[in-house]
């Protein structure tokens, strides 16, 4: 859950199973998915590889993804640094 960032993504390729709060739905090519700040969300890629364009407001979510790929990652620090809670 992002505490201060609204996230949305445009599905370019593949399919995603999305959960946002109590809502569950499928998203495929051309679908735009909105994930508001403060609402728990998750998504899973379907059987085939997927590709999406992520848009976050305010900007800065890309730093989370950069940090996520680093060795020696401390998940508590990652959550604190980026205003995210893993549920």
PDB file of N, CA and C in Angstrom:
ATOM      1  N   UNK A   1       0.852  -1.165   0.000  1.00  0.00           N
ATOM      2  CA  UNK A   1       0.000   0.000   0.000  1.00  0.00           C
ATOM      3  C   UNK A   1       0.902   1.233   0.000  1.00  0.00           C
ATOM      4  N   UNK A   2       0.657   2.108  -0.945  1.00  0.00           N
ATOM      5  CA  UNK A   2       1.377   3.384  -0.999  1.00  0.00           C
ATOM      6  C   UNK A   2       0.599   4.387  -0.149  1.00  0.00           C
ATOM      7  N   UNK A   3       1.279   5.047   0.760  1.00  0.00           N
ATOM      8  CA  UNK A   3       0.586   5.987   1.637  1.00  0.00           C
ATOM      9  C   UNK A   3       0.367   7.344   0.992  1.00  0.00           C
ATOM     10  N   UNK A   4       1.245   7.734   0.046  1.00  0.00           N
ATOM     11  CA  UNK A   4       1.169   9.093  -0.501  1.00  0.00           C
ATOM     12  C   UNK A   4       1.199   9.137  -2.017  1.00  0.00           C
ATOM     13  N   UNK A   5       1.112   7.984  -2.674  1.00  0.00           N
ATOM     14  CA  UNK A   5       1.254   7.945  -4.135  1.00  0.00           C
ATOM     15  C   UNK A   5       0.058   7.253  -4.760  1.00  0.00           C
ATOM     16  N   UNK A   6      -0.584   7.928  -5.706  1.00  0.00           N
ATOM     17  CA  UNK A   6      -1.579   7.287  -6.564  1.00  0.00           C
ATOM     18  C   UNK A   6      -0.816   6.621  -7.700  1.00  0.00           C
ATOM     19  N   UNK A   7      -1.145   5.370  -7.977  1.00  0.00           N
ATOM     20  CA  UNK A   7      -0.469   4.623  -9.039  1.00  0.00           C
ATOM     21  C   UNK A   7      -1.513   4.168 -10.050  1.00  0.00           C
ATOM     22  N   UNK A   8      -1.162   4.240 -11.295  1.00  0.00           N
ATOM     23  CA  UNK A   8      -1.992   3.620 -12.313  1.00  0.00           C
ATOM     24  C   UNK A   8      -1.067   3.003 -13.343  1.00  0.00           C
ATOM     25  N   UNK A   9      -1.580   2.023 -14.060  1.00  0.00           N
ATOM     26  CA  UNK A   9      -0.768   1.453 -15.120  1.00  0.00           C
ATOM     27  C   UNK A   9      -1.633   1.097 -16.311  1.00  0.00           C
ATOM     28  N   UNK A  10      -1.029   1.258 -17.480  1.00  0.00           N
ATOM     29  CA  UNK A  10      -1.647   0.909 -18.748  1.00  0.00           C
ATOM     30  C   UNK A  10      -1.050  -0.424 -19.165  1.00  0.00           C
ATOM     31  N   UNK A  11      -1.898  -1.426 -19.341  1.00  0.00           N
ATOM     32  CA  UNK A  11      -1.415  -2.734 -19.757  1.00  0.00           C
ATOM     33  C   UNK A  11      -1.079  -2.676 -21.245  1.00  0.00           C
ATOM     34  N   UNK A  12       0.167  -2.955 -21.561  1.00  0.00           N
ATOM     35  CA  UNK A  12       0.622  -2.956 -22.952  1.00  0.00           C
ATOM     36  C   UNK A  12       0.576  -4.361 -23.537  1.00  0.00           C
ATOM     37  N   UNK A  13       1.022  -5.348 -22.758  1.00  0.00           N
ATOM     38  CA  UNK A  13       1.090  -6.741 -23.199  1.00  0.00           C
ATOM     39  C   UNK A  13       0.725  -7.629 -22.020  1.00  0.00           C
ATOM     40  N   UNK A  14       0.014  -8.702 -22.277  1.00  0.00           N
ATOM     41  CA  UNK A  14      -0.290  -9.687 -21.243  1.00  0.00           C
ATOM     42  C   UNK A  14      -1.554  -9.359 -20.476  1.00  0.00           C
ATOM     43  N   UNK A  15      -1.758 -10.134 -19.425  1.00  0.00           N
ATOM     44  CA  UNK A  15      -2.927  -9.979 -18.570  1.00  0.00           C
ATOM     45  C   UNK A  15      -2.496  -9.970 -17.111  1.00  0.00           C
ATOM     46  N   UNK A  16      -3.230  -9.245 -16.295  1.00  0.00           N
ATOM     47  CA  UNK A  16      -2.934  -9.111 -14.880  1.00  0.00           C
ATOM     48  C   UNK A  16      -4.192  -9.384 -14.069  1.00  0.00           C
ATOM     49  N   UNK A  17      -4.043 -10.120 -12.972  1.00  0.00           N
ATOM     50  CA  UNK A  17      -5.098 -10.277 -11.980  1.00  0.00           C
ATOM     51  C   UNK A  17      -4.826  -9.204 -10.928  1.00  0.00           C
ATOM     52  N   UNK A  18      -5.786  -8.305 -10.733  1.00  0.00           N
ATOM     53  CA  UNK A  18      -5.588  -7.136  -9.880  1.00  0.00           C
ATOM     54  C   UNK A  18      -6.533  -7.190  -8.683  1.00  0.00           C
ATOM     55  N   UNK A  19      -5.994  -6.843  -7.519  1.00  0.00           N
ATOM     56  CA  UNK A  19      -6.800  -6.633  -6.316  1.00  0.00           C
ATOM     57  C   UNK A  19      -6.546  -5.207  -5.860  1.00  0.00           C
ATOM     58  N   UNK A  20      -7.619  -4.463  -5.635  1.00  0.00           N
ATOM     59  CA  UNK A  20      -7.523  -3.092  -5.130  1.00  0.00           C
ATOM     60  C   UNK A  20      -8.621  -2.925  -4.091  1.00  0.00           C
ATOM     61  N   UNK A  21      -8.225  -2.897  -2.812  1.00  0.00           N
ATOM     62  CA  UNK A  21      -9.219  -2.885  -1.745  1.00  0.00           C
ATOM     63  C   UNK A  21     -10.012  -4.183  -1.810  1.00  0.00           C
ATOM     64  N   UNK A  22     -11.328  -4.069  -1.878  1.00  0.00           N
ATOM     65  CA  UNK A  22     -12.200  -5.246  -1.970  1.00  0.00           C
ATOM     66  C   UNK A  22     -12.473  -5.667  -3.410  1.00  0.00           C
ATOM     67  N   UNK A  23     -12.006  -4.900  -4.373  1.00  0.00           N
ATOM     68  CA  UNK A  23     -12.263  -5.191  -5.790  1.00  0.00           C
ATOM     69  C   UNK A  23     -11.212  -6.143  -6.349  1.00  0.00           C
ATOM     70  N   UNK A  24     -11.692  -7.091  -7.157  1.00  0.00           N
ATOM     71  CA  UNK A  24     -10.799  -8.018  -7.866  1.00  0.00           C
ATOM     72  C   UNK A  24     -11.239  -8.052  -9.320  1.00  0.00           C
ATOM     73  N   UNK A  25     -10.262  -7.924 -10.231  1.00  0.00           N
ATOM     74  CA  UNK A  25     -10.608  -7.907 -11.652  1.00  0.00           C
ATOM     75  C   UNK A  25      -9.406  -8.288 -12.493  1.00  0.00           C
ATOM     76  N   UNK A  26      -9.653  -8.555 -13.749  1.00  0.00           N
ATOM     77  CA  UNK A  26      -8.615  -8.872 -14.729  1.00  0.00           C
ATOM     78  C   UNK A  26      -8.386  -7.637 -15.592  1.00  0.00           C
ATOM     79  N   UNK A  27      -7.152  -7.419 -16.004  1.00  0.00           N
ATOM     80  CA  UNK A  27      -6.812  -6.309 -16.894  1.00  0.00           C
ATOM     81  C   UNK A  27      -5.941  -6.852 -18.021  1.00  0.00           C
ATOM     82  N   UNK A  28      -6.249  -6.427 -19.246  1.00  0.00           N
ATOM     83  CA  UNK A  28      -5.500  -6.867 -20.407  1.00  0.00           C
ATOM     84  C   UNK A  28      -5.059  -5.688 -21.251  1.00  0.00           C
ATOM     85  N   UNK A  29      -4.468  -5.958 -22.403  1.00  0.00           N
ATOM     86  CA  UNK A  29      -3.939  -4.895 -23.263  1.00  0.00           C
ATOM     87  C   UNK A  29      -4.961  -3.773 -23.509  1.00  0.00           C
ATOM     88  N   UNK A  30      -4.513  -2.546 -23.260  1.00  0.00           N
ATOM     89  CA  UNK A  30      -5.362  -1.377 -23.443  1.00  0.00           C
ATOM     90  C   UNK A  30      -6.109  -0.951 -22.199  1.00  0.00           C
ATOM     91  N   UNK A  31      -6.145  -1.789 -21.165  1.00  0.00           N
ATOM     92  CA  UNK A  31      -6.834  -1.434 -19.925  1.00  0.00           C
ATOM     93  C   UNK A  31      -5.956  -0.532 -19.070  1.00  0.00           C
ATOM     94  N   UNK A  32      -6.588   0.440 -18.429  1.00  0.00           N
ATOM     95  CA  UNK A  32      -5.916   1.343 -17.500  1.00  0.00           C
ATOM     96  C   UNK A  32      -6.396   1.000 -16.096  1.00  0.00           C
ATOM     97  N   UNK A  33      -5.464   0.725 -15.207  1.00  0.00           N
ATOM     98  CA  UNK A  33      -5.774   0.324 -13.836  1.00  0.00           C
ATOM     99  C   UNK A  33      -5.367   1.460 -12.904  1.00  0.00           C
ATOM    100  N   UNK A  34      -6.295   1.887 -12.030  1.00  0.00           N
ATOM    101  CA  UNK A  34      -6.033   2.955 -11.074  1.00  0.00           C
ATOM    102  C   UNK A  34      -5.957   2.363  -9.667  1.00  0.00           C
ATOM    103  N   UNK A  35      -4.872   2.667  -8.958  1.00  0.00           N
ATOM    104  CA  UNK A  35      -4.633   2.171  -7.605  1.00  0.00           C
ATOM    105  C   UNK A  35      -4.387   3.378  -6.696  1.00  0.00           C
ATOM    106  N   UNK A  36      -5.435   3.864  -6.007  1.00  0.00           N
ATOM    107  CA  UNK A  36      -5.288   5.093  -5.222  1.00  0.00           C
ATOM    108  C   UNK A  36      -4.437   4.916  -3.971  1.00  0.00           C
ATOM    109  N   UNK A  37      -3.827   5.998  -3.558  1.00  0.00           N
ATOM    110  CA  UNK A  37      -3.036   6.019  -2.318  1.00  0.00           C
ATOM    111  C   UNK A  37      -3.920   5.609  -1.149  1.00  0.00           C
ATOM    112  N   UNK A  38      -3.321   4.868  -0.219  1.00  0.00           N
ATOM    113  CA  UNK A  38      -4.033   4.494   0.993  1.00  0.00           C
ATOM    114  C   UNK A  38      -4.912   3.261   0.866  1.00  0.00           C
ATOM    115  N   UNK A  39      -4.989   2.673  -0.320  1.00  0.00           N
ATOM    116  CA  UNK A  39      -5.808   1.479  -0.540  1.00  0.00           C
ATOM    117  C   UNK A  39      -4.878   0.312  -0.847  1.00  0.00           C
ATOM    118  N   UNK A  40      -4.937  -0.768  -0.061  1.00  0.00           N
ATOM    119  CA  UNK A  40      -4.080  -1.927  -0.346  1.00  0.00           C
ATOM    120  C   UNK A  40      -4.356  -2.471  -1.743  1.00  0.00           C
ATOM    121  N   UNK A  41      -3.279  -2.835  -2.431  1.00  0.00           N
ATOM    122  CA  UNK A  41      -3.440  -3.385  -3.775  1.00  0.00           C
ATOM    123  C   UNK A  41      -2.340  -4.391  -4.082  1.00  0.00           C
ATOM    124  N   UNK A  42      -2.619  -5.211  -5.060  1.00  0.00           N
ATOM    125  CA  UNK A  42      -1.646  -6.198  -5.528  1.00  0.00           C
ATOM    126  C   UNK A  42      -2.035  -6.581  -6.948  1.00  0.00           C
ATOM    127  N   UNK A  43      -1.070  -7.072  -7.710  1.00  0.00           N
ATOM    128  CA  UNK A  43      -1.382  -7.613  -9.023  1.00  0.00           C
ATOM    129  C   UNK A  43      -0.432  -8.745  -9.354  1.00  0.00           C
ATOM    130  N   UNK A  44      -0.931  -9.659 -10.147  1.00  0.00           N
ATOM    131  CA  UNK A  44      -0.180 -10.840 -10.546  1.00  0.00           C
ATOM    132  C   UNK A  44      -0.218 -10.934 -12.057  1.00  0.00           C
ATOM    133  N   UNK A  45       0.931 -11.228 -12.654  1.00  0.00           N
ATOM    134  CA  UNK A  45       1.019 -11.395 -14.106  1.00  0.00           C
ATOM    135  C   UNK A  45       0.403 -12.740 -14.467  1.00  0.00           C
ATOM    136  N   UNK A  46      -0.314 -12.785 -15.597  1.00  0.00           N
ATOM    137  CA  UNK A  46      -0.939 -14.013 -16.069  1.00  0.00           C
ATOM    138  C   UNK A  46       0.071 -15.038 -16.546  1.00  0.00           C
ATOM    139  N   UNK A  47      -0.390 -15.977 -17.368  1.00  0.00           N
ATOM    140  CA  UNK A  47       0.438 -17.091 -17.847  1.00  0.00           C
ATOM    141  C   UNK A  47       1.591 -16.649 -18.744  1.00  0.00           C
ATOM    142  N   UNK A  48       1.420 -15.557 -19.453  1.00  0.00           N
ATOM    143  CA  UNK A  48       2.441 -15.050 -20.370  1.00  0.00           C
ATOM    144  C   UNK A  48       3.085 -13.803 -19.772  1.00  0.00           C
ATOM    145  N   UNK A  49       4.318 -13.491 -20.175  1.00  0.00           N
ATOM    146  CA  UNK A  49       4.954 -12.254 -19.676  1.00  0.00           C
ATOM    147  C   UNK A  49       4.083 -11.028 -19.976  1.00  0.00           C
ATOM    148  N   UNK A  50       4.128 -10.092 -19.086  1.00  0.00           N
ATOM    149  CA  UNK A  50       3.360  -8.870 -19.251  1.00  0.00           C
ATOM    150  C   UNK A  50       4.275  -7.658 -19.336  1.00  0.00           C
ATOM    151  N   UNK A  51       3.708  -6.563 -19.817  1.00  0.00           N
ATOM    152  CA  UNK A  51       4.434  -5.300 -19.895  1.00  0.00           C
ATOM    153  C   UNK A  51       3.419  -4.197 -19.649  1.00  0.00           C
ATOM    154  N   UNK A  52       3.809  -3.207 -18.848  1.00  0.00           N
ATOM    155  CA  UNK A  52       2.882  -2.127 -18.521  1.00  0.00           C
ATOM    156  C   UNK A  52       3.633  -0.816 -18.378  1.00  0.00           C
ATOM    157  N   UNK A  53       2.928   0.259 -18.575  1.00  0.00           N
ATOM    158  CA  UNK A  53       3.446   1.600 -18.365  1.00  0.00           C
ATOM    159  C   UNK A  53       2.875   2.085 -17.046  1.00  0.00           C
ATOM    160  N   UNK A  54       3.738   2.347 -16.067  1.00  0.00           N
ATOM    161  CA  UNK A  54       3.299   2.789 -14.744  1.00  0.00           C
ATOM    162  C   UNK A  54       3.379   4.307 -14.658  1.00  0.00           C
ATOM    163  N   UNK A  55       2.322   4.898 -14.115  1.00  0.00           N
ATOM    164  CA  UNK A  55       2.263   6.339 -13.885  1.00  0.00           C
ATOM    165  C   UNK A  55       1.987   6.536 -12.400  1.00  0.00           C
ATOM    166  N   UNK A  56       2.795   7.352 -11.731  1.00  0.00           N
ATOM    167  CA  UNK A  56       2.626   7.596 -10.299  1.00  0.00           C
ATOM    168  C   UNK A  56       2.598   9.094 -10.043  1.00  0.00           C
ATOM    169  N   UNK A  57       1.687   9.496  -9.144  1.00  0.00           N
ATOM    170  CA  UNK A  57       1.556  10.906  -8.770  1.00  0.00           C
ATOM    171  C   UNK A  57       1.524  10.988  -7.256  1.00  0.00           C
ATOM    172  N   UNK A  58       2.413  11.739  -6.627  1.00  0.00           N
ATOM    173  CA  UNK A  58       3.516  12.450  -7.244  1.00  0.00           C
ATOM    174  C   UNK A  58       4.609  11.493  -7.713  1.00  0.00           C
ATOM    175  N   UNK A  59       5.511  12.014  -8.505  1.00  0.00           N
ATOM    176  CA  UNK A  59       6.611  11.215  -9.055  1.00  0.00           C
ATOM    177  C   UNK A  59       7.506  10.684  -7.942  1.00  0.00           C
ATOM    178  N   UNK A  60       8.284   9.673  -8.252  1.00  0.00           N
ATOM    179  CA  UNK A  60       9.257   9.139  -7.311  1.00  0.00           C
ATOM    180  C   UNK A  60       9.150   7.642  -7.104  1.00  0.00           C
ATOM    181  N   UNK A  61       8.087   7.012  -7.595  1.00  0.00           N
ATOM    182  CA  UNK A  61       7.918   5.570  -7.418  1.00  0.00           C
ATOM    183  C   UNK A  61       9.048   4.790  -8.082  1.00  0.00           C
ATOM    184  N   UNK A  62       9.668   5.377  -9.099  1.00  0.00           N
ATOM    185  CA  UNK A  62      10.776   4.705  -9.779  1.00  0.00           C
ATOM    186  C   UNK A  62      11.943   4.453  -8.823  1.00  0.00           C
ATOM    187  N   UNK A  63      12.102   5.300  -7.818  1.00  0.00           N
ATOM    188  CA  UNK A  63      13.165   5.095  -6.826  1.00  0.00           C
ATOM    189  C   UNK A  63      12.896   3.840  -5.997  1.00  0.00           C
ATOM    190  N   UNK A  64      11.631   3.578  -5.701  1.00  0.00           N
ATOM    191  CA  UNK A  64      11.273   2.343  -4.999  1.00  0.00           C
ATOM    192  C   UNK A  64      11.703   1.128  -5.815  1.00  0.00           C
ATOM    193  N   UNK A  65      11.397   1.123  -7.115  1.00  0.00           N
ATOM    194  CA  UNK A  65      11.760  -0.013  -7.952  1.00  0.00           C
ATOM    195  C   UNK A  65      13.274  -0.162  -8.084  1.00  0.00           C
ATOM    196  N   UNK A  66      13.997   0.955  -8.133  1.00  0.00           N
ATOM    197  CA  UNK A  66      15.464   0.880  -8.156  1.00  0.00           C
ATOM    198  C   UNK A  66      15.990   0.234  -6.876  1.00  0.00           C
ATOM    199  N   UNK A  67      15.486   0.694  -5.737  1.00  0.00           N
ATOM    200  CA  UNK A  67      15.921   0.145  -4.454  1.00  0.00           C
ATOM    201  C   UNK A  67      15.534  -1.324  -4.310  1.00  0.00           C
ATOM    202  N   UNK A  68      14.387  -1.690  -4.836  1.00  0.00           N
ATOM    203  CA  UNK A  68      13.897  -3.066  -4.736  1.00  0.00           C
ATOM    204  C   UNK A  68      14.860  -4.053  -5.379  1.00  0.00           C
ATOM    205  N   UNK A  69      15.593  -3.620  -6.386  1.00  0.00           N
ATOM    206  CA  UNK A  69      16.519  -4.487  -7.090  1.00  0.00           C
ATOM    207  C   UNK A  69      17.920  -4.557  -6.498  1.00  0.00           C
ATOM    208  N   UNK A  70      18.164  -3.893  -5.383  1.00  0.00           N
ATOM    209  CA  UNK A  70      19.509  -3.850  -4.800  1.00  0.00           C
ATOM    210  C   UNK A  70      19.782  -5.044  -3.886  1.00  0.00           C
ATOM    211  N   UNK A  71      21.030  -5.485  -3.882  1.00  0.00           N
ATOM    212  CA  UNK A  71      21.455  -6.560  -2.975  1.00  0.00           C
ATOM    213  C   UNK A  71      21.451  -6.050  -1.537  1.00  0.00           C
ATOM    214  N   UNK A  72      21.253  -6.956  -0.586  1.00  0.00           N
ATOM    215  CA  UNK A  72      21.281  -6.588   0.827  1.00  0.00           C
ATOM    216  C   UNK A  72      20.108  -5.722   1.238  1.00  0.00           C
ATOM    217  N   UNK A  73      19.006  -5.891   0.565  1.00  0.00           N
ATOM    218  CA  UNK A  73      17.827  -5.066   0.784  1.00  0.00           C
ATOM    219  C   UNK A  73      17.230  -5.298   2.170  1.00  0.00           C
ATOM    220  N   UNK A  74      16.994  -4.235   2.911  1.00  0.00           N
ATOM    221  CA  UNK A  74      16.307  -4.293   4.196  1.00  0.00           C
ATOM    222  C   UNK A  74      14.870  -3.835   3.955  1.00  0.00           C
ATOM    223  N   UNK A  75      13.923  -4.768   4.056  1.00  0.00           N
ATOM    224  CA  UNK A  75      12.528  -4.472   3.716  1.00  0.00           C
ATOM    225  C   UNK A  75      11.918  -3.394   4.617  1.00  0.00           C
ATOM    226  N   UNK A  76      12.287  -3.369   5.892  1.00  0.00           N
ATOM    227  CA  UNK A  76      11.761  -2.330   6.783  1.00  0.00           C
ATOM    228  C   UNK A  76      12.230  -0.947   6.337  1.00  0.00           C
ATOM    229  N   UNK A  77      13.503  -0.842   5.989  1.00  0.00           N
ATOM    230  CA  UNK A  77      14.051   0.438   5.506  1.00  0.00           C
ATOM    231  C   UNK A  77      13.393   0.842   4.192  1.00  0.00           C
ATOM    232  N   UNK A  78      13.199  -0.123   3.306  1.00  0.00           N
ATOM    233  CA  UNK A  78      12.564   0.151   2.015  1.00  0.00           C
ATOM    234  C   UNK A  78      11.160   0.725   2.210  1.00  0.00           C
ATOM    235  N   UNK A  79      10.373   0.105   3.090  1.00  0.00           N
ATOM    236  CA  UNK A  79       9.018   0.591   3.357  1.00  0.00           C
ATOM    237  C   UNK A  79       9.038   2.003   3.927  1.00  0.00           C
ATOM    238  N   UNK A  80       9.900   2.222   4.893  1.00  0.00           N
ATOM    239  CA  UNK A  80       9.986   3.534   5.536  1.00  0.00           C
ATOM    240  C   UNK A  80      10.421   4.607   4.541  1.00  0.00           C
ATOM    241  N   UNK A  81      11.446   4.317   3.758  1.00  0.00           N
ATOM    242  CA  UNK A  81      12.000   5.291   2.823  1.00  0.00           C
ATOM    243  C   UNK A  81      10.990   5.728   1.772  1.00  0.00           C
ATOM    244  N   UNK A  82      10.107   4.809   1.364  1.00  0.00           N
ATOM    245  CA  UNK A  82       9.211   5.093   0.242  1.00  0.00           C
ATOM    246  C   UNK A  82       7.749   5.238   0.630  1.00  0.00           C
ATOM    247  N   UNK A  83       7.425   5.248   1.921  1.00  0.00           N
ATOM    248  CA  UNK A  83       6.049   5.431   2.344  1.00  0.00           C
ATOM    249  C   UNK A  83       5.132   4.313   1.868  1.00  0.00           C
ATOM    250  N   UNK A  84       5.638   3.082   1.961  1.00  0.00           N
ATOM    251  CA  UNK A  84       4.904   1.920   1.501  1.00  0.00           C
ATOM    252  C   UNK A  84       4.797   0.936   2.660  1.00  0.00           C
ATOM    253  N   UNK A  85       3.667   0.253   2.756  1.00  0.00           N
ATOM    254  CA  UNK A  85       3.500  -0.819   3.730  1.00  0.00           C
ATOM    255  C   UNK A  85       3.189  -2.094   2.974  1.00  0.00           C
ATOM    256  N   UNK A  86       4.008  -3.131   3.202  1.00  0.00           N
ATOM    257  CA  UNK A  86       3.739  -4.451   2.642  1.00  0.00           C
ATOM    258  C   UNK A  86       2.800  -5.170   3.588  1.00  0.00           C
ATOM    259  N   UNK A  87       1.673  -5.618   3.077  1.00  0.00           N
ATOM    260  CA  UNK A  87       0.660  -6.283   3.930  1.00  0.00           C
ATOM    261  C   UNK A  87       0.687  -7.774   3.708  1.00  0.00           C
TER     262      UNK A  87
END
